[in-house]
ModelCIF file with pLDDT and N, C-alpha, C, O atoms, coordinates in Angstrom:
data_MODEL
#
_entry.id   MODEL 
#
_entity.id                         1 
_entity.type                       polymer 
_entity.pdbx_number_of_molecules   1 
#
_entity_poly.entity_id                      1 
_entity_poly.type                           'polypeptide(L)' 
_entity_poly.nstd_linkage                   no 
_entity_poly.nstd_monomer                   no 
_entity_poly.pdbx_seq_one_letter_code       MQNLARLLHMVDKDGIKGEIVETGIAKGGSVVFLAMLTARSNIKR 
_entity_poly.pdbx_seq_one_letter_code_can   MQNLARLLHMVDKDGIKGEIVETGIAKGGSVVFLAMLTARSNIKR 
_entity_poly.pdbx_strand_id                 A 
#
loop_
_entity_poly_seq.entity_id 
_entity_poly_seq.num 
_entity_poly_seq.mon_id 
_entity_poly_seq.hetero 
1 1  MET n 
1 2  GLN n 
1 3  ASN n 
1 4  LEU n 
1 5  ALA n 
1 6  ARG n 
1 7  LEU n 
1 8  LEU n 
1 9  HIS n 
1 10 MET n 
1 11 VAL n 
1 12 ASP n 
1 13 LYS n 
1 14 ASP n 
1 15 GLY n 
1 16 ILE n 
1 17 LYS n 
1 18 GLY n 
1 19 GLU n 
1 20 ILE n 
1 21 VAL n 
1 22 GLU n 
1 23 THR n 
1 24 GLY n 
1 25 ILE n 
1 26 ALA n 
1 27 LYS n 
1 28 GLY n 
1 29 GLY n 
1 30 SER n 
1 31 VAL n 
1 32 VAL n 
1 33 PHE n 
1 34 LEU n 
1 35 ALA n 
1 36 MET n 
1 37 LEU n 
1 38 THR n 
1 39 ALA n 
1 40 ARG n 
1 41 SER n 
1 42 ASN n 
1 43 ILE n 
1 44 LYS n 
1 45 ARG n 
#
_struct_asym.id          A 
_struct_asym.entity_id   1 
#
loop_
_ma_qa_metric.id 
_ma_qa_metric.mode 
_ma_qa_metric.name 
_ma_qa_metric.software_group_id 
_ma_qa_metric.type 
1 global pLDDT . pLDDT 
2 local  pLDDT . pLDDT 
#
_ma_qa_metric_global.metric_id      1 
_ma_qa_metric_global.metric_value   95.73 
_ma_qa_metric_global.model_id       1 
_ma_qa_metric_global.ordinal_id     1 
#
loop_
_ma_qa_metric_local.label_asym_id 
_ma_qa_metric_local.label_comp_id 
_ma_qa_metric_local.label_seq_id 
_ma_qa_metric_local.metric_id 
_ma_qa_metric_local.metric_value 
_ma_qa_metric_local.model_id 
_ma_qa_metric_local.ordinal_id 
A MET 1  2 95.00 1 1  
A GLN 2  2 96.00 1 2  
A ASN 3  2 97.00 1 3  
A LEU 4  2 97.00 1 4  
A ALA 5  2 97.00 1 5  
A ARG 6  2 96.00 1 6  
A LEU 7  2 97.00 1 7  
A LEU 8  2 97.00 1 8  
A HIS 9  2 95.00 1 9  
A MET 10 2 96.00 1 10 
A VAL 11 2 97.00 1 11 
A ASP 12 2 96.00 1 12 
A LYS 13 2 96.00 1 13 
A ASP 14 2 96.00 1 14 
A GLY 15 2 96.00 1 15 
A ILE 16 2 97.00 1 16 
A LYS 17 2 96.00 1 17 
A GLY 18 2 98.00 1 18 
A GLU 19 2 98.00 1 19 
A ILE 20 2 98.00 1 20 
A VAL 21 2 98.00 1 21 
A GLU 22 2 98.00 1 22 
A THR 23 2 98.00 1 23 
A GLY 24 2 94.00 1 24 
A ILE 25 2 94.00 1 25 
A ALA 26 2 91.00 1 26 
A LYS 27 2 92.00 1 27 
A GLY 28 2 94.00 1 28 
A GLY 29 2 95.00 1 29 
A SER 30 2 96.00 1 30 
A VAL 31 2 97.00 1 31 
A VAL 32 2 98.00 1 32 
A PHE 33 2 98.00 1 33 
A LEU 34 2 98.00 1 34 
A ALA 35 2 98.00 1 35 
A MET 36 2 97.00 1 36 
A LEU 37 2 96.00 1 37 
A THR 38 2 96.00 1 38 
A ALA 39 2 95.00 1 39 
A ARG 40 2 91.00 1 40 
A SER 41 2 92.00 1 41 
A ASN 42 2 90.00 1 42 
A ILE 43 2 93.00 1 43 
A LYS 44 2 92.00 1 44 
A ARG 45 2 96.00 1 45 
#
loop_
_atom_site.group_PDB 
_atom_site.id 
_atom_site.type_symbol 
_atom_site.label_atom_id 
_atom_site.label_alt_id 
_atom_site.label_comp_id 
_atom_site.label_asym_id 
_atom_site.label_entity_id 
_atom_site.label_seq_id 
_atom_site.pdbx_PDB_ins_code 
_atom_site.Cartn_x 
_atom_site.Cartn_y 
_atom_site.Cartn_z 
_atom_site.occupancy 
_atom_site.B_iso_or_equiv 
_atom_site.pdbx_formal_charge 
_atom_site.auth_seq_id 
_atom_site.auth_comp_id 
_atom_site.auth_asym_id 
_atom_site.auth_atom_id 
_atom_site.pdbx_PDB_model_num 
ATOM 1   N N  . MET A 1 1  ? 4.786   10.336  0.013   1.00 95.00 ? 1  MET A N  1 
ATOM 2   C CA . MET A 1 1  ? 4.999   8.893   0.046   1.00 95.00 ? 1  MET A CA 1 
ATOM 3   C C  . MET A 1 1  ? 5.041   8.390   1.490   1.00 95.00 ? 1  MET A C  1 
ATOM 4   O O  . MET A 1 1  ? 4.531   7.311   1.795   1.00 95.00 ? 1  MET A O  1 
ATOM 5   N N  . GLN A 1 2  ? 5.642   9.170   2.361   1.00 96.00 ? 2  GLN A N  1 
ATOM 6   C CA . GLN A 1 2  ? 5.651   8.776   3.764   1.00 96.00 ? 2  GLN A CA 1 
ATOM 7   C C  . GLN A 1 2  ? 4.218   8.739   4.310   1.00 96.00 ? 2  GLN A C  1 
ATOM 8   O O  . GLN A 1 2  ? 3.877   7.881   5.124   1.00 96.00 ? 2  GLN A O  1 
ATOM 9   N N  . ASN A 1 3  ? 3.386   9.680   3.850   1.00 97.00 ? 3  ASN A N  1 
ATOM 10  C CA . ASN A 1 3  ? 1.993   9.671   4.300   1.00 97.00 ? 3  ASN A CA 1 
ATOM 11  C C  . ASN A 1 3  ? 1.243   8.462   3.745   1.00 97.00 ? 3  ASN A C  1 
ATOM 12  O O  . ASN A 1 3  ? 0.416   7.875   4.441   1.00 97.00 ? 3  ASN A O  1 
ATOM 13  N N  . LEU A 1 4  ? 1.526   8.087   2.495   1.00 97.00 ? 4  LEU A N  1 
ATOM 14  C CA . LEU A 1 4  ? 0.925   6.863   1.963   1.00 97.00 ? 4  LEU A CA 1 
ATOM 15  C C  . LEU A 1 4  ? 1.297   5.660   2.826   1.00 97.00 ? 4  LEU A C  1 
ATOM 16  O O  . LEU A 1 4  ? 0.452   4.818   3.128   1.00 97.00 ? 4  LEU A O  1 
ATOM 17  N N  . ALA A 1 5  ? 2.568   5.587   3.219   1.00 97.00 ? 5  ALA A N  1 
ATOM 18  C CA . ALA A 1 5  ? 3.021   4.486   4.068   1.00 97.00 ? 5  ALA A CA 1 
ATOM 19  C C  . ALA A 1 5  ? 2.308   4.516   5.416   1.00 97.00 ? 5  ALA A C  1 
ATOM 20  O O  . ALA A 1 5  ? 1.925   3.473   5.946   1.00 97.00 ? 5  ALA A O  1 
ATOM 21  N N  . ARG A 1 6  ? 2.132   5.715   5.966   1.00 96.00 ? 6  ARG A N  1 
ATOM 22  C CA . ARG A 1 6  ? 1.451   5.856   7.264   1.00 96.00 ? 6  ARG A CA 1 
ATOM 23  C C  . ARG A 1 6  ? 0.005   5.374   7.170   1.00 96.00 ? 6  ARG A C  1 
ATOM 24  O O  . ARG A 1 6  ? -0.472  4.655   8.049   1.00 96.00 ? 6  ARG A O  1 
ATOM 25  N N  . LEU A 1 7  ? -0.693  5.771   6.102   1.00 97.00 ? 7  LEU A N  1 
ATOM 26  C CA . LEU A 1 7  ? -2.094  5.384   5.949   1.00 97.00 ? 7  LEU A CA 1 
ATOM 27  C C  . LEU A 1 7  ? -2.236  3.889   5.687   1.00 97.00 ? 7  LEU A C  1 
ATOM 28  O O  . LEU A 1 7  ? -3.159  3.250   6.191   1.00 97.00 ? 7  LEU A O  1 
ATOM 29  N N  . LEU A 1 8  ? -1.318  3.334   4.895   1.00 97.00 ? 8  LEU A N  1 
ATOM 30  C CA . LEU A 1 8  ? -1.365  1.894   4.666   1.00 97.00 ? 8  LEU A CA 1 
ATOM 31  C C  . LEU A 1 8  ? -1.106  1.127   5.958   1.00 97.00 ? 8  LEU A C  1 
ATOM 32  O O  . LEU A 1 8  ? -1.717  0.086   6.202   1.00 97.00 ? 8  LEU A O  1 
ATOM 33  N N  . HIS A 1 9  ? -0.203  1.641   6.780   1.00 95.00 ? 9  HIS A N  1 
ATOM 34  C CA . HIS A 1 9  ? 0.045   1.021   8.087   1.00 95.00 ? 9  HIS A CA 1 
ATOM 35  C C  . HIS A 1 9  ? -1.216  1.040   8.944   1.00 95.00 ? 9  HIS A C  1 
ATOM 36  O O  . HIS A 1 9  ? -1.531  0.051   9.606   1.00 95.00 ? 9  HIS A O  1 
ATOM 37  N N  . MET A 1 10 ? -1.940  2.161   8.935   1.00 96.00 ? 10 MET A N  1 
ATOM 38  C CA . MET A 1 10 ? -3.178  2.253   9.714   1.00 96.00 ? 10 MET A CA 1 
ATOM 39  C C  . MET A 1 10 ? -4.194  1.213   9.251   1.00 96.00 ? 10 MET A C  1 
ATOM 40  O O  . MET A 1 10 ? -4.837  0.549   10.063  1.00 96.00 ? 10 MET A O  1 
ATOM 41  N N  . VAL A 1 11 ? -4.325  1.086   7.942   1.00 97.00 ? 11 VAL A N  1 
ATOM 42  C CA . VAL A 1 11 ? -5.262  0.117   7.385   1.00 97.00 ? 11 VAL A CA 1 
ATOM 43  C C  . VAL A 1 11 ? -4.848  -1.308  7.760   1.00 97.00 ? 11 VAL A C  1 
ATOM 44  O O  . VAL A 1 11 ? -5.688  -2.127  8.130   1.00 97.00 ? 11 VAL A O  1 
ATOM 45  N N  . ASP A 1 12 ? -3.555  -1.595  7.661   1.00 96.00 ? 12 ASP A N  1 
ATOM 46  C CA . ASP A 1 12 ? -3.048  -2.913  8.061   1.00 96.00 ? 12 ASP A CA 1 
ATOM 47  C C  . ASP A 1 12 ? -3.291  -3.175  9.540   1.00 96.00 ? 12 ASP A C  1 
ATOM 48  O O  . ASP A 1 12 ? -3.755  -4.246  9.930   1.00 96.00 ? 12 ASP A O  1 
ATOM 49  N N  . LYS A 1 13 ? -2.969  -2.178  10.353  1.00 96.00 ? 13 LYS A N  1 
ATOM 50  C CA . LYS A 1 13 ? -3.096  -2.333  11.803  1.00 96.00 ? 13 LYS A CA 1 
ATOM 51  C C  . LYS A 1 13 ? -4.534  -2.637  12.202  1.00 96.00 ? 13 LYS A C  1 
ATOM 52  O O  . LYS A 1 13 ? -4.781  -3.403  13.134  1.00 96.00 ? 13 LYS A O  1 
ATOM 53  N N  . ASP A 1 14 ? -5.483  -2.028  11.488  1.00 96.00 ? 14 ASP A N  1 
ATOM 54  C CA . ASP A 1 14 ? -6.901  -2.234  11.795  1.00 96.00 ? 14 ASP A CA 1 
ATOM 55  C C  . ASP A 1 14 ? -7.463  -3.486  11.132  1.00 96.00 ? 14 ASP A C  1 
ATOM 56  O O  . ASP A 1 14 ? -8.646  -3.797  11.277  1.00 96.00 ? 14 ASP A O  1 
ATOM 57  N N  . GLY A 1 15 ? -6.603  -4.207  10.399  1.00 96.00 ? 15 GLY A N  1 
ATOM 58  C CA . GLY A 1 15 ? -7.023  -5.467  9.803   1.00 96.00 ? 15 GLY A CA 1 
ATOM 59  C C  . GLY A 1 15 ? -8.022  -5.328  8.670   1.00 96.00 ? 15 GLY A C  1 
ATOM 60  O O  . GLY A 1 15 ? -8.831  -6.227  8.442   1.00 96.00 ? 15 GLY A O  1 
ATOM 61  N N  . ILE A 1 16 ? -7.974  -4.199  7.949   1.00 97.00 ? 16 ILE A N  1 
ATOM 62  C CA . ILE A 1 16 ? -8.895  -3.976  6.842   1.00 97.00 ? 16 ILE A CA 1 
ATOM 63  C C  . ILE A 1 16 ? -8.441  -4.819  5.654   1.00 97.00 ? 16 ILE A C  1 
ATOM 64  O O  . ILE A 1 16 ? -7.359  -4.599  5.109   1.00 97.00 ? 16 ILE A O  1 
ATOM 65  N N  . LYS A 1 17 ? -9.254  -5.768  5.260   1.00 96.00 ? 17 LYS A N  1 
ATOM 66  C CA . LYS A 1 17 ? -8.912  -6.647  4.150   1.00 96.00 ? 17 LYS A CA 1 
ATOM 67  C C  . LYS A 1 17 ? -9.269  -5.963  2.819   1.00 96.00 ? 17 LYS A C  1 
ATOM 68  O O  . LYS A 1 17 ? -10.184 -5.141  2.763   1.00 96.00 ? 17 LYS A O  1 
ATOM 69  N N  . GLY A 1 18 ? -8.547  -6.308  1.767   1.00 98.00 ? 18 GLY A N  1 
ATOM 70  C CA . GLY A 1 18 ? -8.863  -5.764  0.461   1.00 98.00 ? 18 GLY A CA 1 
ATOM 71  C C  . GLY A 1 18 ? -7.627  -5.390  -0.330  1.00 98.00 ? 18 GLY A C  1 
ATOM 72  O O  . GLY A 1 18 ? -6.502  -5.456  0.166   1.00 98.00 ? 18 GLY A O  1 
ATOM 73  N N  . GLU A 1 19 ? -7.860  -5.000  -1.561  1.00 98.00 ? 19 GLU A N  1 
ATOM 74  C CA . GLU A 1 19 ? -6.798  -4.681  -2.494  1.00 98.00 ? 19 GLU A CA 1 
ATOM 75  C C  . GLU A 1 19 ? -6.336  -3.231  -2.356  1.00 98.00 ? 19 GLU A C  1 
ATOM 76  O O  . GLU A 1 19 ? -6.957  -2.421  -1.668  1.00 98.00 ? 19 GLU A O  1 
ATOM 77  N N  . ILE A 1 20 ? -5.225  -2.931  -3.034  1.00 98.00 ? 20 ILE A N  1 
ATOM 78  C CA . ILE A 1 20 ? -4.741  -1.562  -3.200  1.00 98.00 ? 20 ILE A CA 1 
ATOM 79  C C  . ILE A 1 20 ? -4.979  -1.187  -4.660  1.00 98.00 ? 20 ILE A C  1 
ATOM 80  O O  . ILE A 1 20 ? -4.581  -1.916  -5.569  1.00 98.00 ? 20 ILE A O  1 
ATOM 81  N N  . VAL A 1 21 ? -5.631  -0.044  -4.877  1.00 98.00 ? 21 VAL A N  1 
ATOM 82  C CA . VAL A 1 21 ? -5.891  0.411   -6.238  1.00 98.00 ? 21 VAL A CA 1 
ATOM 83  C C  . VAL A 1 21 ? -5.334  1.820   -6.396  1.00 98.00 ? 21 VAL A C  1 
ATOM 84  O O  . VAL A 1 21 ? -5.587  2.696   -5.569  1.00 98.00 ? 21 VAL A O  1 
ATOM 85  N N  . GLU A 1 22 ? -4.568  2.030   -7.474  1.00 98.00 ? 22 GLU A N  1 
ATOM 86  C CA . GLU A 1 22 ? -4.067  3.364   -7.788  1.00 98.00 ? 22 GLU A CA 1 
ATOM 87  C C  . GLU A 1 22 ? -4.492  3.721   -9.207  1.00 98.00 ? 22 GLU A C  1 
ATOM 88  O O  . GLU A 1 22 ? -4.314  2.930   -10.134 1.00 98.00 ? 22 GLU A O  1 
ATOM 89  N N  . THR A 1 23 ? -5.049  4.903   -9.368  1.00 98.00 ? 23 THR A N  1 
ATOM 90  C CA . THR A 1 23 ? -5.417  5.400   -10.691 1.00 98.00 ? 23 THR A CA 1 
ATOM 91  C C  . THR A 1 23 ? -4.500  6.569   -11.037 1.00 98.00 ? 23 THR A C  1 
ATOM 92  O O  . THR A 1 23 ? -4.407  7.550   -10.300 1.00 98.00 ? 23 THR A O  1 
ATOM 93  N N  . GLY A 1 24 ? -3.825  6.437   -12.182 1.00 94.00 ? 24 GLY A N  1 
ATOM 94  C CA . GLY A 1 24 ? -2.839  7.433   -12.589 1.00 94.00 ? 24 GLY A CA 1 
ATOM 95  C C  . GLY A 1 24 ? -1.470  7.048   -12.070 1.00 94.00 ? 24 GLY A C  1 
ATOM 96  O O  . GLY A 1 24 ? -0.976  7.648   -11.116 1.00 94.00 ? 24 GLY A O  1 
ATOM 97  N N  . ILE A 1 25 ? -0.845  6.041   -12.693 1.00 94.00 ? 25 ILE A N  1 
ATOM 98  C CA . ILE A 1 25 ? 0.388   5.498   -12.117 1.00 94.00 ? 25 ILE A CA 1 
ATOM 99  C C  . ILE A 1 25 ? 1.653   6.079   -12.741 1.00 94.00 ? 25 ILE A C  1 
ATOM 100 O O  . ILE A 1 25 ? 2.753   5.804   -12.263 1.00 94.00 ? 25 ILE A O  1 
ATOM 101 N N  . ALA A 1 26 ? 1.515   6.885   -13.812 1.00 91.00 ? 26 ALA A N  1 
ATOM 102 C CA . ALA A 1 26 ? 2.668   7.541   -14.442 1.00 91.00 ? 26 ALA A CA 1 
ATOM 103 C C  . ALA A 1 26 ? 3.771   6.515   -14.742 1.00 91.00 ? 26 ALA A C  1 
ATOM 104 O O  . ALA A 1 26 ? 3.544   5.577   -15.506 1.00 91.00 ? 26 ALA A O  1 
ATOM 105 N N  . LYS A 1 27 ? 4.955   6.683   -14.153 1.00 92.00 ? 27 LYS A N  1 
ATOM 106 C CA . LYS A 1 27 ? 6.068   5.760   -14.409 1.00 92.00 ? 27 LYS A CA 1 
ATOM 107 C C  . LYS A 1 27 ? 6.109   4.578   -13.444 1.00 92.00 ? 27 LYS A C  1 
ATOM 108 O O  . LYS A 1 27 ? 7.017   3.749   -13.505 1.00 92.00 ? 27 LYS A O  1 
ATOM 109 N N  . GLY A 1 28 ? 5.129   4.510   -12.560 1.00 94.00 ? 28 GLY A N  1 
ATOM 110 C CA . GLY A 1 28 ? 4.999   3.332   -11.704 1.00 94.00 ? 28 GLY A CA 1 
ATOM 111 C C  . GLY A 1 28 ? 5.654   3.429   -10.347 1.00 94.00 ? 28 GLY A C  1 
ATOM 112 O O  . GLY A 1 28 ? 5.660   2.447   -9.606  1.00 94.00 ? 28 GLY A O  1 
ATOM 113 N N  . GLY A 1 29 ? 6.212   4.587   -9.989  1.00 95.00 ? 29 GLY A N  1 
ATOM 114 C CA . GLY A 1 29 ? 6.952   4.692   -8.738  1.00 95.00 ? 29 GLY A CA 1 
ATOM 115 C C  . GLY A 1 29 ? 6.128   4.412   -7.501  1.00 95.00 ? 29 GLY A C  1 
ATOM 116 O O  . GLY A 1 29 ? 6.548   3.633   -6.645  1.00 95.00 ? 29 GLY A O  1 
ATOM 117 N N  . SER A 1 30 ? 4.958   5.033   -7.388  1.00 96.00 ? 30 SER A N  1 
ATOM 118 C CA . SER A 1 30 ? 4.181   4.836   -6.162  1.00 96.00 ? 30 SER A CA 1 
ATOM 119 C C  . SER A 1 30 ? 3.508   3.470   -6.137  1.00 96.00 ? 30 SER A C  1 
ATOM 120 O O  . SER A 1 30 ? 3.278   2.916   -5.061  1.00 96.00 ? 30 SER A O  1 
ATOM 121 N N  . VAL A 1 31 ? 3.184   2.912   -7.316  1.00 97.00 ? 31 VAL A N  1 
ATOM 122 C CA . VAL A 1 31 ? 2.653   1.550   -7.357  1.00 97.00 ? 31 VAL A CA 1 
ATOM 123 C C  . VAL A 1 31 ? 3.691   0.564   -6.812  1.00 97.00 ? 31 VAL A C  1 
ATOM 124 O O  . VAL A 1 31 ? 3.362   -0.310  -6.010  1.00 97.00 ? 31 VAL A O  1 
ATOM 125 N N  . VAL A 1 32 ? 4.937   0.708   -7.251  1.00 98.00 ? 32 VAL A N  1 
ATOM 126 C CA . VAL A 1 32 ? 6.002   -0.164  -6.754  1.00 98.00 ? 32 VAL A CA 1 
ATOM 127 C C  . VAL A 1 32 ? 6.221   0.071   -5.266  1.00 98.00 ? 32 VAL A C  1 
ATOM 128 O O  . VAL A 1 32 ? 6.405   -0.884  -4.511  1.00 98.00 ? 32 VAL A O  1 
ATOM 129 N N  . PHE A 1 33 ? 6.205   1.318   -4.841  1.00 98.00 ? 33 PHE A N  1 
ATOM 130 C CA . PHE A 1 33 ? 6.366   1.652   -3.426  1.00 98.00 ? 33 PHE A CA 1 
ATOM 131 C C  . PHE A 1 33 ? 5.311   0.938   -2.583  1.00 98.00 ? 33 PHE A C  1 
ATOM 132 O O  . PHE A 1 33 ? 5.641   0.329   -1.564  1.00 98.00 ? 33 PHE A O  1 
ATOM 133 N N  . LEU A 1 34 ? 4.055   1.007   -2.997  1.00 98.00 ? 34 LEU A N  1 
ATOM 134 C CA . LEU A 1 34 ? 2.980   0.349   -2.257  1.00 98.00 ? 34 LEU A CA 1 
ATOM 135 C C  . LEU A 1 34 ? 3.139   -1.163  -2.288  1.00 98.00 ? 34 LEU A C  1 
ATOM 136 O O  . LEU A 1 34 ? 2.850   -1.840  -1.300  1.00 98.00 ? 34 LEU A O  1 
ATOM 137 N N  . ALA A 1 35 ? 3.596   -1.698  -3.419  1.00 98.00 ? 35 ALA A N  1 
ATOM 138 C CA . ALA A 1 35 ? 3.828   -3.141  -3.510  1.00 98.00 ? 35 ALA A CA 1 
ATOM 139 C C  . ALA A 1 35 ? 4.957   -3.576  -2.578  1.00 98.00 ? 35 ALA A C  1 
ATOM 140 O O  . ALA A 1 35 ? 4.884   -4.643  -1.968  1.00 98.00 ? 35 ALA A O  1 
ATOM 141 N N  . MET A 1 36 ? 5.992   -2.760  -2.468  1.00 97.00 ? 36 MET A N  1 
ATOM 142 C CA . MET A 1 36 ? 7.101   -3.080  -1.563  1.00 97.00 ? 36 MET A CA 1 
ATOM 143 C C  . MET A 1 36 ? 6.638   -3.105  -0.118  1.00 97.00 ? 36 MET A C  1 
ATOM 144 O O  . MET A 1 36 ? 7.024   -3.991  0.645   1.00 97.00 ? 36 MET A O  1 
ATOM 145 N N  . LEU A 1 37 ? 5.808   -2.133  0.265   1.00 96.00 ? 37 LEU A N  1 
ATOM 146 C CA . LEU A 1 37 ? 5.286   -2.114  1.632   1.00 96.00 ? 37 LEU A CA 1 
ATOM 147 C C  . LEU A 1 37 ? 4.364   -3.298  1.877   1.00 96.00 ? 37 LEU A C  1 
ATOM 148 O O  . LEU A 1 37 ? 4.387   -3.901  2.950   1.00 96.00 ? 37 LEU A O  1 
ATOM 149 N N  . THR A 1 38 ? 3.551   -3.627  0.879   1.00 96.00 ? 38 THR A N  1 
ATOM 150 C CA . THR A 1 38 ? 2.615   -4.739  1.015   1.00 96.00 ? 38 THR A CA 1 
ATOM 151 C C  . THR A 1 38 ? 3.348   -6.068  1.155   1.00 96.00 ? 38 THR A C  1 
ATOM 152 O O  . THR A 1 38 ? 2.883   -6.964  1.860   1.00 96.00 ? 38 THR A O  1 
ATOM 153 N N  . ALA A 1 39 ? 4.485   -6.199  0.491   1.00 95.00 ? 39 ALA A N  1 
ATOM 154 C CA . ALA A 1 39 ? 5.254   -7.443  0.568   1.00 95.00 ? 39 ALA A CA 1 
ATOM 155 C C  . ALA A 1 39 ? 5.741   -7.721  1.988   1.00 95.00 ? 39 ALA A C  1 
ATOM 156 O O  . ALA A 1 39 ? 6.014   -8.868  2.341   1.00 95.00 ? 39 ALA A O  1 
ATOM 157 N N  . ARG A 1 40 ? 5.850   -6.660  2.810   1.00 91.00 ? 40 ARG A N  1 
ATOM 158 C CA . ARG A 1 40 ? 6.310   -6.813  4.195   1.00 91.00 ? 40 ARG A CA 1 
ATOM 159 C C  . ARG A 1 40 ? 5.162   -6.999  5.168   1.00 91.00 ? 40 ARG A C  1 
ATOM 160 O O  . ARG A 1 40 ? 5.386   -7.227  6.357   1.00 91.00 ? 40 ARG A O  1 
ATOM 161 N N  . SER A 1 41 ? 3.913   -6.901  4.669   1.00 92.00 ? 41 SER A N  1 
ATOM 162 C CA . SER A 1 41 ? 2.742   -6.949  5.537   1.00 92.00 ? 41 SER A CA 1 
ATOM 163 C C  . SER A 1 41 ? 2.265   -8.379  5.747   1.00 92.00 ? 41 SER A C  1 
ATOM 164 O O  . SER A 1 41 ? 2.539   -9.260  4.932   1.00 92.00 ? 41 SER A O  1 
ATOM 165 N N  . ASN A 1 42 ? 1.555   -8.602  6.840   1.00 90.00 ? 42 ASN A N  1 
ATOM 166 C CA . ASN A 1 42 ? 0.943   -9.903  7.097   1.00 90.00 ? 42 ASN A CA 1 
ATOM 167 C C  . ASN A 1 42 ? -0.345  -10.087 6.312   1.00 90.00 ? 42 ASN A C  1 
ATOM 168 O O  . ASN A 1 42 ? -0.861  -11.200 6.214   1.00 90.00 ? 42 ASN A O  1 
ATOM 169 N N  . ILE A 1 43 ? -0.865  -9.000  5.752   1.00 93.00 ? 43 ILE A N  1 
ATOM 170 C CA . ILE A 1 43 ? -2.108  -9.062  4.982   1.00 93.00 ? 43 ILE A CA 1 
ATOM 171 C C  . ILE A 1 43 ? -1.763  -9.106  3.500   1.00 93.00 ? 43 ILE A C  1 
ATOM 172 O O  . ILE A 1 43 ? -1.117  -8.195  2.981   1.00 93.00 ? 43 ILE A O  1 
ATOM 173 N N  . LYS A 1 44 ? -2.187  -10.151 2.827   1.00 92.00 ? 44 LYS A N  1 
ATOM 174 C CA . LYS A 1 44 ? -1.905  -10.328 1.410   1.00 92.00 ? 44 LYS A CA 1 
ATOM 175 C C  . LYS A 1 44 ? -2.831  -9.435  0.583   1.00 92.00 ? 44 LYS A C  1 
ATOM 176 O O  . LYS A 1 44 ? -4.053  -9.516  0.704   1.00 92.00 ? 44 LYS A O  1 
ATOM 177 N N  . ARG A 1 45 ? -2.241  -8.591  -0.251  1.00 96.00 ? 45 ARG A N  1 
ATOM 178 C CA . ARG A 1 45 ? -3.020  -7.719  -1.118  1.00 96.00 ? 45 ARG A CA 1 
ATOM 179 C C  . ARG A 1 45 ? -2.385  -7.713  -2.510  1.00 96.00 ? 45 ARG A C  1 
ATOM 180 O O  . ARG A 1 45 ? -2.881  -7.039  -3.412  1.00 96.00 ? 45 ARG A O  1 
#
């Protein structure tokens, strides 16, 4: 999960526009995690 956060930060830092897509969400933990990080970002996804 920390690596997911690191990679999302890299994408944000480089200004890459676009959505986040996860396939295989199980109980939803990592989807919520990514949504929480996105809510703090300047890039709307």
